[in-house]
Amino acid sequence: MIRVLWLQPACTWHQKQKKAQCRLDFLYFISKKYHLMIGSKYEIKDILEMEMKILEALNYYLVVFHPYRALSQLLQDAGLNDIAMTHASWGIVNDTYKMDLILIHPPHLIALACIYIASVIKDKDTTVWFEELRVDMNVVKNISMEILDFYDNYKTLPDERINANLSKLALKP
């Protein structure tokens, strides 16, 4: 049986394993940590099994292209490479890593959506530049809406609740 709650520890295990030769005590620590957080009982073999399911779902293709290069090139092309625009759009790109956009859309479209959002926030007129690009603005706007939906959902978590949960985690052995 596939449990969605096992995805996080399996991905953490896989990421740690690829960065350096991971030790089993790290995997044991992760399994205990997530057992306390989600309240479900599972073993190390369950995490390893879930890792294999994740890899199979990705067809063992682990190459992901990041939107940073496209972002800097597009900002320069648009003449929007001032500090405020760069920081705003770069921050939005950073936030997209909390979503699955990078697995679904090409990096240049994610970069364009981030520039689109940042230009609205910073009150920059980019209409002519976007028209010259001849990209499908419906796709860019859909990606932008996904990002804004993420911000809207993220905003609904009150800071007090987050801080209370973090302090609970700090008190656990």
N, C-alpha and C. Protein backbone atom coordinates (compact mmCIF):
# COMPACT_ATOMS: atom_id res chain seq x y z
N MET A 1 0.84 -1.17 0.00
CA MET A 1 0.00 0.00 0.00
C MET A 1 0.89 1.24 0.00
N ILE A 2 0.57 2.20 -0.84
CA ILE A 2 1.33 3.45 -0.91
C ILE A 2 0.72 4.44 0.06
N ARG A 3 1.57 4.98 0.89
CA ARG A 3 1.11 6.00 1.82
C ARG A 3 1.75 7.32 1.43
N VAL A 4 0.93 8.32 1.23
CA VAL A 4 1.43 9.62 0.80
C VAL A 4 2.37 10.20 1.84
N LEU A 5 2.12 9.93 3.10
CA LEU A 5 2.95 10.49 4.15
C LEU A 5 4.36 9.90 4.16
N TRP A 6 4.58 8.83 3.43
CA TRP A 6 5.93 8.25 3.35
C TRP A 6 6.76 8.92 2.26
N LEU A 7 6.12 9.74 1.44
CA LEU A 7 6.85 10.37 0.35
C LEU A 7 7.95 11.30 0.87
N GLN A 8 7.64 12.11 1.86
CA GLN A 8 8.62 13.07 2.37
C GLN A 8 9.86 12.38 2.92
N PRO A 9 9.73 11.41 3.82
CA PRO A 9 10.96 10.76 4.28
C PRO A 9 11.71 10.03 3.18
N ALA A 10 10.98 9.47 2.22
CA ALA A 10 11.65 8.77 1.13
C ALA A 10 12.43 9.74 0.26
N CYS A 11 11.85 10.89 -0.02
CA CYS A 11 12.55 11.90 -0.82
C CYS A 11 13.74 12.46 -0.05
N THR A 12 13.57 12.67 1.24
CA THR A 12 14.68 13.16 2.07
C THR A 12 15.80 12.14 2.08
N TRP A 13 15.45 10.88 2.21
CA TRP A 13 16.45 9.82 2.21
C TRP A 13 17.18 9.78 0.88
N HIS A 14 16.43 9.87 -0.22
CA HIS A 14 17.05 9.80 -1.54
C HIS A 14 17.98 10.99 -1.77
N GLN A 15 17.53 12.18 -1.37
CA GLN A 15 18.34 13.37 -1.56
C GLN A 15 19.62 13.29 -0.73
N LYS A 16 19.51 12.87 0.50
CA LYS A 16 20.67 12.75 1.37
C LYS A 16 21.62 11.67 0.84
N GLN A 17 21.07 10.61 0.34
CA GLN A 17 21.88 9.50 -0.16
C GLN A 17 22.69 9.93 -1.38
N LYS A 18 22.12 10.77 -2.21
CA LYS A 18 22.81 11.18 -3.43
C LYS A 18 23.88 12.23 -3.14
N LYS A 19 23.72 13.03 -2.09
CA LYS A 19 24.71 14.05 -1.79
C LYS A 19 25.97 13.43 -1.19
N ALA A 20 25.79 12.48 -0.34
CA ALA A 20 26.93 11.81 0.29
C ALA A 20 26.47 10.41 0.63
N GLN A 21 27.41 9.54 0.86
CA GLN A 21 27.03 8.19 1.23
C GLN A 21 26.32 8.26 2.57
N CYS A 22 25.05 8.02 2.57
CA CYS A 22 24.24 8.18 3.77
C CYS A 22 24.40 6.99 4.69
N ARG A 23 24.39 7.28 5.96
CA ARG A 23 24.51 6.21 6.94
C ARG A 23 23.12 5.78 7.38
N LEU A 24 23.04 4.56 7.84
CA LEU A 24 21.74 4.03 8.27
C LEU A 24 21.21 4.75 9.51
N ASP A 25 22.11 5.31 10.34
CA ASP A 25 21.61 6.01 11.52
C ASP A 25 20.84 7.27 11.11
N PHE A 26 21.21 7.90 9.98
CA PHE A 26 20.44 9.04 9.50
C PHE A 26 19.04 8.59 9.08
N LEU A 27 18.96 7.49 8.37
CA LEU A 27 17.66 6.97 7.95
C LEU A 27 16.81 6.60 9.16
N TYR A 28 17.44 6.03 10.17
CA TYR A 28 16.71 5.69 11.39
C TYR A 28 16.18 6.96 12.05
N PHE A 29 17.03 8.00 12.10
CA PHE A 29 16.61 9.27 12.69
C PHE A 29 15.41 9.85 11.94
N ILE A 30 15.48 9.85 10.61
CA ILE A 30 14.38 10.38 9.80
C ILE A 30 13.11 9.58 10.04
N SER A 31 13.23 8.26 10.10
CA SER A 31 12.03 7.45 10.29
C SER A 31 11.40 7.73 11.65
N LYS A 32 12.21 7.91 12.68
CA LYS A 32 11.65 8.22 14.01
C LYS A 32 11.04 9.61 14.03
N LYS A 33 11.70 10.57 13.38
CA LYS A 33 11.20 11.94 13.36
C LYS A 33 9.83 11.98 12.68
N TYR A 34 9.69 11.35 11.53
CA TYR A 34 8.42 11.38 10.82
C TYR A 34 7.37 10.52 11.51
N HIS A 35 7.80 9.50 12.21
CA HIS A 35 6.84 8.71 12.97
C HIS A 35 6.20 9.59 14.04
N LEU A 36 7.00 10.43 14.70
CA LEU A 36 6.45 11.31 15.73
C LEU A 36 5.55 12.38 15.11
N MET A 37 5.93 12.87 13.93
CA MET A 37 5.17 13.96 13.33
C MET A 37 3.82 13.49 12.78
N ILE A 38 3.78 12.34 12.14
CA ILE A 38 2.54 11.94 11.49
C ILE A 38 1.77 10.87 12.25
N GLY A 39 2.40 10.32 13.27
CA GLY A 39 1.70 9.38 14.13
C GLY A 39 1.40 8.04 13.49
N SER A 40 2.08 7.69 12.43
CA SER A 40 1.84 6.39 11.82
C SER A 40 3.09 5.55 11.95
N LYS A 41 2.91 4.27 12.02
CA LYS A 41 4.03 3.35 12.23
C LYS A 41 4.51 2.82 10.89
N TYR A 42 5.77 2.99 10.62
CA TYR A 42 6.38 2.40 9.44
C TYR A 42 7.84 2.12 9.74
N GLU A 43 8.41 1.32 8.90
CA GLU A 43 9.79 0.89 9.12
C GLU A 43 10.68 1.41 8.01
N ILE A 44 11.97 1.22 8.18
CA ILE A 44 12.94 1.69 7.20
C ILE A 44 12.69 1.06 5.84
N LYS A 45 12.30 -0.20 5.82
CA LYS A 45 12.04 -0.86 4.53
C LYS A 45 10.90 -0.18 3.79
N ASP A 46 9.94 0.39 4.53
CA ASP A 46 8.84 1.11 3.89
C ASP A 46 9.35 2.36 3.17
N ILE A 47 10.28 3.05 3.80
CA ILE A 47 10.85 4.25 3.18
C ILE A 47 11.64 3.88 1.93
N LEU A 48 12.43 2.82 2.04
CA LEU A 48 13.22 2.38 0.88
C LEU A 48 12.31 1.93 -0.26
N GLU A 49 11.22 1.27 0.07
CA GLU A 49 10.26 0.85 -0.95
C GLU A 49 9.62 2.07 -1.61
N MET A 50 9.29 3.07 -0.81
CA MET A 50 8.69 4.29 -1.36
C MET A 50 9.69 5.02 -2.25
N GLU A 51 10.97 5.00 -1.88
CA GLU A 51 11.99 5.62 -2.73
C GLU A 51 12.00 4.98 -4.11
N MET A 52 11.91 3.67 -4.15
CA MET A 52 11.90 2.97 -5.44
C MET A 52 10.65 3.33 -6.25
N LYS A 53 9.52 3.49 -5.58
CA LYS A 53 8.29 3.87 -6.29
C LYS A 53 8.41 5.28 -6.87
N ILE A 54 9.06 6.17 -6.12
CA ILE A 54 9.28 7.54 -6.62
C ILE A 54 10.17 7.51 -7.85
N LEU A 55 11.25 6.75 -7.76
CA LEU A 55 12.18 6.66 -8.90
C LEU A 55 11.50 6.04 -10.12
N GLU A 56 10.67 5.03 -9.90
CA GLU A 56 9.94 4.42 -11.01
C GLU A 56 8.97 5.41 -11.63
N ALA A 57 8.29 6.20 -10.79
CA ALA A 57 7.34 7.19 -11.31
C ALA A 57 8.06 8.25 -12.14
N LEU A 58 9.31 8.54 -11.81
CA LEU A 58 10.09 9.51 -12.56
C LEU A 58 10.85 8.86 -13.72
N ASN A 59 10.62 7.56 -13.94
CA ASN A 59 11.34 6.80 -14.97
C ASN A 59 12.85 6.91 -14.80
N TYR A 60 13.28 7.03 -13.57
CA TYR A 60 14.70 7.13 -13.21
C TYR A 60 15.37 8.33 -13.88
N TYR A 61 14.60 9.29 -14.28
CA TYR A 61 15.12 10.49 -14.90
C TYR A 61 15.16 11.58 -13.84
N LEU A 62 16.34 11.86 -13.34
CA LEU A 62 16.48 12.75 -12.20
C LEU A 62 17.07 14.11 -12.57
N VAL A 63 17.11 14.42 -13.85
CA VAL A 63 17.65 15.70 -14.27
C VAL A 63 16.52 16.73 -14.25
N VAL A 64 16.74 17.81 -13.52
CA VAL A 64 15.77 18.88 -13.43
C VAL A 64 16.48 20.17 -13.83
N PHE A 65 15.90 20.91 -14.74
CA PHE A 65 16.48 22.17 -15.16
C PHE A 65 15.86 23.30 -14.35
N HIS A 66 16.71 24.18 -13.86
CA HIS A 66 16.28 25.25 -12.96
C HIS A 66 16.03 26.54 -13.75
N PRO A 67 15.09 27.35 -13.30
CA PRO A 67 14.74 28.57 -14.05
C PRO A 67 15.66 29.76 -13.80
N TYR A 68 16.72 29.61 -13.01
CA TYR A 68 17.56 30.76 -12.67
C TYR A 68 18.27 31.34 -13.89
N ARG A 69 18.86 30.49 -14.72
CA ARG A 69 19.57 31.00 -15.90
C ARG A 69 18.61 31.72 -16.84
N ALA A 70 17.47 31.10 -17.09
CA ALA A 70 16.48 31.74 -17.96
C ALA A 70 16.00 33.06 -17.37
N LEU A 71 15.84 33.09 -16.04
CA LEU A 71 15.38 34.30 -15.38
C LEU A 71 16.36 35.45 -15.59
N SER A 72 17.64 35.21 -15.35
CA SER A 72 18.61 36.30 -15.50
C SER A 72 18.71 36.74 -16.96
N GLN A 73 18.65 35.81 -17.90
CA GLN A 73 18.70 36.18 -19.32
C GLN A 73 17.46 36.97 -19.75
N LEU A 74 16.30 36.54 -19.27
CA LEU A 74 15.06 37.23 -19.64
C LEU A 74 14.98 38.62 -19.01
N LEU A 75 15.43 38.75 -17.76
CA LEU A 75 15.44 40.06 -17.13
C LEU A 75 16.36 41.02 -17.88
N GLN A 76 17.50 40.52 -18.30
CA GLN A 76 18.44 41.35 -19.05
C GLN A 76 17.84 41.73 -20.41
N ASP A 77 17.19 40.78 -21.06
CA ASP A 77 16.57 41.04 -22.36
C ASP A 77 15.46 42.08 -22.25
N ALA A 78 14.72 42.04 -21.15
CA ALA A 78 13.61 42.97 -20.96
C ALA A 78 14.08 44.33 -20.46
N GLY A 79 15.35 44.42 -20.07
CA GLY A 79 15.85 45.67 -19.50
C GLY A 79 15.34 45.90 -18.09
N LEU A 80 15.01 44.81 -17.41
CA LEU A 80 14.48 44.89 -16.05
C LEU A 80 15.47 44.36 -15.02
N ASN A 81 16.75 44.46 -15.33
CA ASN A 81 17.73 43.86 -14.43
C ASN A 81 18.18 44.81 -13.33
N ASP A 82 17.27 45.68 -12.88
CA ASP A 82 17.59 46.50 -11.71
C ASP A 82 17.47 45.64 -10.45
N ILE A 83 18.00 46.11 -9.36
CA ILE A 83 18.09 45.32 -8.13
C ILE A 83 16.71 44.91 -7.61
N ALA A 84 15.76 45.83 -7.61
CA ALA A 84 14.44 45.53 -7.04
C ALA A 84 13.73 44.43 -7.83
N MET A 85 13.77 44.53 -9.14
CA MET A 85 13.11 43.52 -9.98
C MET A 85 13.81 42.18 -9.88
N THR A 86 15.13 42.22 -9.86
CA THR A 86 15.90 40.98 -9.77
C THR A 86 15.60 40.26 -8.46
N HIS A 87 15.61 41.00 -7.36
CA HIS A 87 15.34 40.38 -6.05
C HIS A 87 13.92 39.85 -5.96
N ALA A 88 12.96 40.61 -6.47
CA ALA A 88 11.57 40.17 -6.39
C ALA A 88 11.34 38.90 -7.21
N SER A 89 11.81 38.90 -8.44
CA SER A 89 11.59 37.73 -9.29
C SER A 89 12.41 36.54 -8.83
N TRP A 90 13.62 36.78 -8.32
CA TRP A 90 14.46 35.69 -7.80
C TRP A 90 13.80 35.05 -6.59
N GLY A 91 13.21 35.87 -5.72
CA GLY A 91 12.52 35.33 -4.55
C GLY A 91 11.31 34.49 -4.93
N ILE A 92 10.60 34.91 -5.97
CA ILE A 92 9.45 34.13 -6.42
C ILE A 92 9.91 32.80 -7.00
N VAL A 93 11.02 32.81 -7.75
CA VAL A 93 11.57 31.55 -8.27
C VAL A 93 11.94 30.63 -7.11
N ASN A 94 12.55 31.18 -6.07
CA ASN A 94 12.89 30.37 -4.90
C ASN A 94 11.65 29.72 -4.30
N ASP A 95 10.55 30.45 -4.26
CA ASP A 95 9.32 29.91 -3.70
C ASP A 95 8.71 28.82 -4.56
N THR A 96 9.00 28.81 -5.86
CA THR A 96 8.44 27.78 -6.73
C THR A 96 9.01 26.40 -6.42
N TYR A 97 10.12 26.35 -5.71
CA TYR A 97 10.69 25.05 -5.35
C TYR A 97 9.87 24.35 -4.27
N LYS A 98 8.93 25.04 -3.68
CA LYS A 98 8.03 24.42 -2.70
C LYS A 98 6.82 23.82 -3.40
N MET A 99 6.77 23.94 -4.70
CA MET A 99 5.66 23.42 -5.50
C MET A 99 6.21 22.41 -6.50
N ASP A 100 5.33 21.83 -7.27
CA ASP A 100 5.76 20.85 -8.28
C ASP A 100 5.88 21.47 -9.67
N LEU A 101 5.91 22.79 -9.75
CA LEU A 101 5.98 23.46 -11.05
C LEU A 101 7.21 23.05 -11.85
N ILE A 102 8.32 22.88 -11.17
CA ILE A 102 9.57 22.57 -11.86
C ILE A 102 9.53 21.20 -12.53
N LEU A 103 8.64 20.34 -12.06
CA LEU A 103 8.48 19.03 -12.67
C LEU A 103 7.47 19.03 -13.81
N ILE A 104 6.67 20.08 -13.89
CA ILE A 104 5.58 20.12 -14.86
C ILE A 104 5.88 21.05 -16.04
N HIS A 105 6.44 22.22 -15.74
CA HIS A 105 6.62 23.25 -16.77
C HIS A 105 8.09 23.47 -17.08
N PRO A 106 8.39 23.91 -18.30
CA PRO A 106 9.77 24.23 -18.65
C PRO A 106 10.28 25.42 -17.84
N PRO A 107 11.58 25.49 -17.61
CA PRO A 107 12.12 26.54 -16.74
C PRO A 107 11.91 27.96 -17.29
N HIS A 108 11.92 28.12 -18.61
CA HIS A 108 11.75 29.48 -19.14
C HIS A 108 10.32 29.99 -18.90
N LEU A 109 9.34 29.10 -18.88
CA LEU A 109 7.97 29.53 -18.60
C LEU A 109 7.79 29.89 -17.12
N ILE A 110 8.46 29.15 -16.26
CA ILE A 110 8.42 29.48 -14.83
C ILE A 110 9.07 30.84 -14.61
N ALA A 111 10.21 31.06 -15.27
CA ALA A 111 10.90 32.35 -15.16
C ALA A 111 10.01 33.49 -15.66
N LEU A 112 9.33 33.27 -16.78
CA LEU A 112 8.43 34.30 -17.31
C LEU A 112 7.29 34.59 -16.35
N ALA A 113 6.74 33.55 -15.74
CA ALA A 113 5.65 33.76 -14.77
C ALA A 113 6.15 34.56 -13.57
N CYS A 114 7.36 34.27 -13.12
CA CYS A 114 7.93 35.00 -11.98
C CYS A 114 8.18 36.46 -12.35
N ILE A 115 8.66 36.70 -13.57
CA ILE A 115 8.85 38.08 -14.03
C ILE A 115 7.50 38.79 -14.13
N TYR A 116 6.50 38.07 -14.61
CA TYR A 116 5.15 38.64 -14.74
C TYR A 116 4.62 39.07 -13.37
N ILE A 117 4.75 38.21 -12.38
CA ILE A 117 4.28 38.54 -11.03
C ILE A 117 5.08 39.69 -10.45
N ALA A 118 6.41 39.62 -10.58
CA ALA A 118 7.27 40.67 -10.02
C ALA A 118 7.01 42.02 -10.69
N SER A 119 6.73 42.00 -11.99
CA SER A 119 6.46 43.27 -12.68
C SER A 119 5.15 43.89 -12.21
N VAL A 120 4.18 43.07 -11.88
CA VAL A 120 2.93 43.60 -11.33
C VAL A 120 3.17 44.15 -9.93
N ILE A 121 3.94 43.42 -9.12
CA ILE A 121 4.23 43.88 -7.76
C ILE A 121 5.02 45.18 -7.78
N LYS A 122 6.02 45.26 -8.64
CA LYS A 122 6.91 46.44 -8.70
C LYS A 122 6.38 47.52 -9.64
N ASP A 123 5.18 47.32 -10.19
CA ASP A 123 4.51 48.29 -11.05
C ASP A 123 5.36 48.65 -12.27
N LYS A 124 5.87 47.63 -12.96
CA LYS A 124 6.64 47.81 -14.19
C LYS A 124 5.76 47.40 -15.37
N ASP A 125 5.82 48.15 -16.43
CA ASP A 125 5.03 47.83 -17.62
C ASP A 125 5.84 46.91 -18.53
N THR A 126 5.40 45.67 -18.64
CA THR A 126 6.10 44.68 -19.46
C THR A 126 5.22 44.16 -20.61
N THR A 127 4.14 44.84 -20.88
CA THR A 127 3.18 44.37 -21.89
C THR A 127 3.83 44.24 -23.26
N VAL A 128 4.55 45.26 -23.68
CA VAL A 128 5.17 45.25 -25.01
C VAL A 128 6.20 44.14 -25.10
N TRP A 129 7.00 43.99 -24.04
CA TRP A 129 8.04 42.96 -24.04
C TRP A 129 7.44 41.56 -24.13
N PHE A 130 6.38 41.31 -23.38
CA PHE A 130 5.72 39.99 -23.44
C PHE A 130 5.11 39.75 -24.82
N GLU A 131 4.57 40.80 -25.46
CA GLU A 131 4.02 40.63 -26.81
C GLU A 131 5.11 40.28 -27.82
N GLU A 132 6.30 40.89 -27.65
CA GLU A 132 7.41 40.61 -28.56
C GLU A 132 7.94 39.18 -28.41
N LEU A 133 7.76 38.61 -27.23
CA LEU A 133 8.26 37.25 -27.00
C LEU A 133 7.48 36.20 -27.77
N ARG A 134 6.23 36.49 -28.01
CA ARG A 134 5.34 35.55 -28.72
C ARG A 134 5.24 34.21 -27.98
N VAL A 135 5.07 34.29 -26.69
CA VAL A 135 4.80 33.08 -25.91
C VAL A 135 3.31 33.03 -25.62
N ASP A 136 2.84 31.87 -25.30
CA ASP A 136 1.43 31.70 -24.95
C ASP A 136 1.21 32.29 -23.56
N MET A 137 0.62 33.47 -23.51
CA MET A 137 0.43 34.15 -22.23
C MET A 137 -0.58 33.42 -21.35
N ASN A 138 -1.43 32.60 -21.93
CA ASN A 138 -2.35 31.81 -21.10
C ASN A 138 -1.57 30.84 -20.22
N VAL A 139 -0.52 30.24 -20.77
CA VAL A 139 0.30 29.32 -19.98
C VAL A 139 1.04 30.08 -18.89
N VAL A 140 1.61 31.24 -19.25
CA VAL A 140 2.33 32.05 -18.27
C VAL A 140 1.38 32.50 -17.16
N LYS A 141 0.19 32.91 -17.53
CA LYS A 141 -0.78 33.35 -16.52
C LYS A 141 -1.26 32.18 -15.66
N ASN A 142 -1.41 31.00 -16.24
CA ASN A 142 -1.79 29.83 -15.45
C ASN A 142 -0.71 29.47 -14.43
N ILE A 143 0.55 29.53 -14.85
CA ILE A 143 1.64 29.27 -13.91
C ILE A 143 1.65 30.35 -12.83
N SER A 144 1.41 31.59 -13.23
CA SER A 144 1.35 32.68 -12.26
C SER A 144 0.23 32.46 -11.25
N MET A 145 -0.90 31.98 -11.73
CA MET A 145 -2.03 31.71 -10.83
C MET A 145 -1.70 30.58 -9.86
N GLU A 146 -0.98 29.57 -10.32
CA GLU A 146 -0.56 28.50 -9.42
C GLU A 146 0.35 29.03 -8.32
N ILE A 147 1.25 29.92 -8.69
CA ILE A 147 2.15 30.52 -7.70
C ILE A 147 1.35 31.36 -6.71
N LEU A 148 0.43 32.17 -7.22
CA LEU A 148 -0.38 33.01 -6.34
C LEU A 148 -1.30 32.17 -5.45
N ASP A 149 -1.81 31.06 -5.98
CA ASP A 149 -2.61 30.14 -5.15
C ASP A 149 -1.77 29.56 -4.02
N PHE A 150 -0.51 29.24 -4.33
CA PHE A 150 0.39 28.75 -3.29
C PHE A 150 0.56 29.80 -2.21
N TYR A 151 0.78 31.05 -2.60
CA TYR A 151 0.93 32.12 -1.62
C TYR A 151 -0.35 32.29 -0.80
N ASP A 152 -1.48 32.17 -1.46
CA ASP A 152 -2.76 32.31 -0.76
C ASP A 152 -2.95 31.20 0.26
N ASN A 153 -2.62 29.97 -0.11
CA ASN A 153 -2.74 28.85 0.83
C ASN A 153 -1.71 28.94 1.95
N TYR A 154 -0.53 29.40 1.62
CA TYR A 154 0.53 29.52 2.62
C TYR A 154 0.19 30.60 3.63
N LYS A 155 -0.51 31.64 3.16
CA LYS A 155 -0.88 32.76 4.02
C LYS A 155 -1.90 32.35 5.08
N THR A 156 -2.67 31.30 4.81
CA THR A 156 -3.73 30.92 5.74
C THR A 156 -3.20 30.27 7.02
N LEU A 157 -1.93 29.89 7.03
CA LEU A 157 -1.36 29.34 8.26
C LEU A 157 -0.95 30.48 9.18
N PRO A 158 -1.57 30.61 10.34
CA PRO A 158 -1.19 31.70 11.23
C PRO A 158 0.20 31.47 11.83
N ASP A 159 0.93 32.56 12.03
CA ASP A 159 2.28 32.46 12.58
C ASP A 159 2.30 31.84 13.97
N GLU A 160 1.26 32.11 14.76
CA GLU A 160 1.22 31.54 16.11
C GLU A 160 1.18 30.01 16.06
N ARG A 161 0.41 29.49 15.13
CA ARG A 161 0.30 28.03 14.99
C ARG A 161 1.63 27.42 14.55
N ILE A 162 2.29 28.07 13.61
CA ILE A 162 3.58 27.58 13.14
C ILE A 162 4.60 27.62 14.27
N ASN A 163 4.66 28.74 14.99
CA ASN A 163 5.62 28.87 16.09
C ASN A 163 5.33 27.88 17.20
N ALA A 164 4.05 27.63 17.49
CA ALA A 164 3.71 26.66 18.53
C ALA A 164 4.17 25.26 18.14
N ASN A 165 3.95 24.89 16.89
CA ASN A 165 4.39 23.56 16.43
C ASN A 165 5.91 23.45 16.41
N LEU A 166 6.60 24.50 16.03
CA LEU A 166 8.06 24.47 16.04
C LEU A 166 8.60 24.34 17.46
N SER A 167 7.97 25.02 18.40
CA SER A 167 8.43 24.91 19.79
C SER A 167 8.14 23.52 20.35
N LYS A 168 7.03 22.88 19.92
CA LYS A 168 6.76 21.51 20.33
C LYS A 168 7.84 20.57 19.82
N LEU A 169 8.24 20.77 18.57
CA LEU A 169 9.29 19.92 17.99
C LEU A 169 10.62 20.11 18.71
N ALA A 170 10.90 21.33 19.13
CA ALA A 170 12.17 21.60 19.82
C ALA A 170 12.21 20.92 21.18
N LEU A 171 11.06 20.73 21.81
CA LEU A 171 11.01 20.11 23.14
C LEU A 171 11.12 18.60 23.10
N LYS A 172 10.83 18.00 21.95
CA LYS A 172 10.87 16.53 21.85
C LYS A 172 12.31 16.06 21.81
N PRO A 173 12.58 14.90 22.43
CA PRO A 173 13.96 14.39 22.44
C PRO A 173 14.37 13.84 21.09
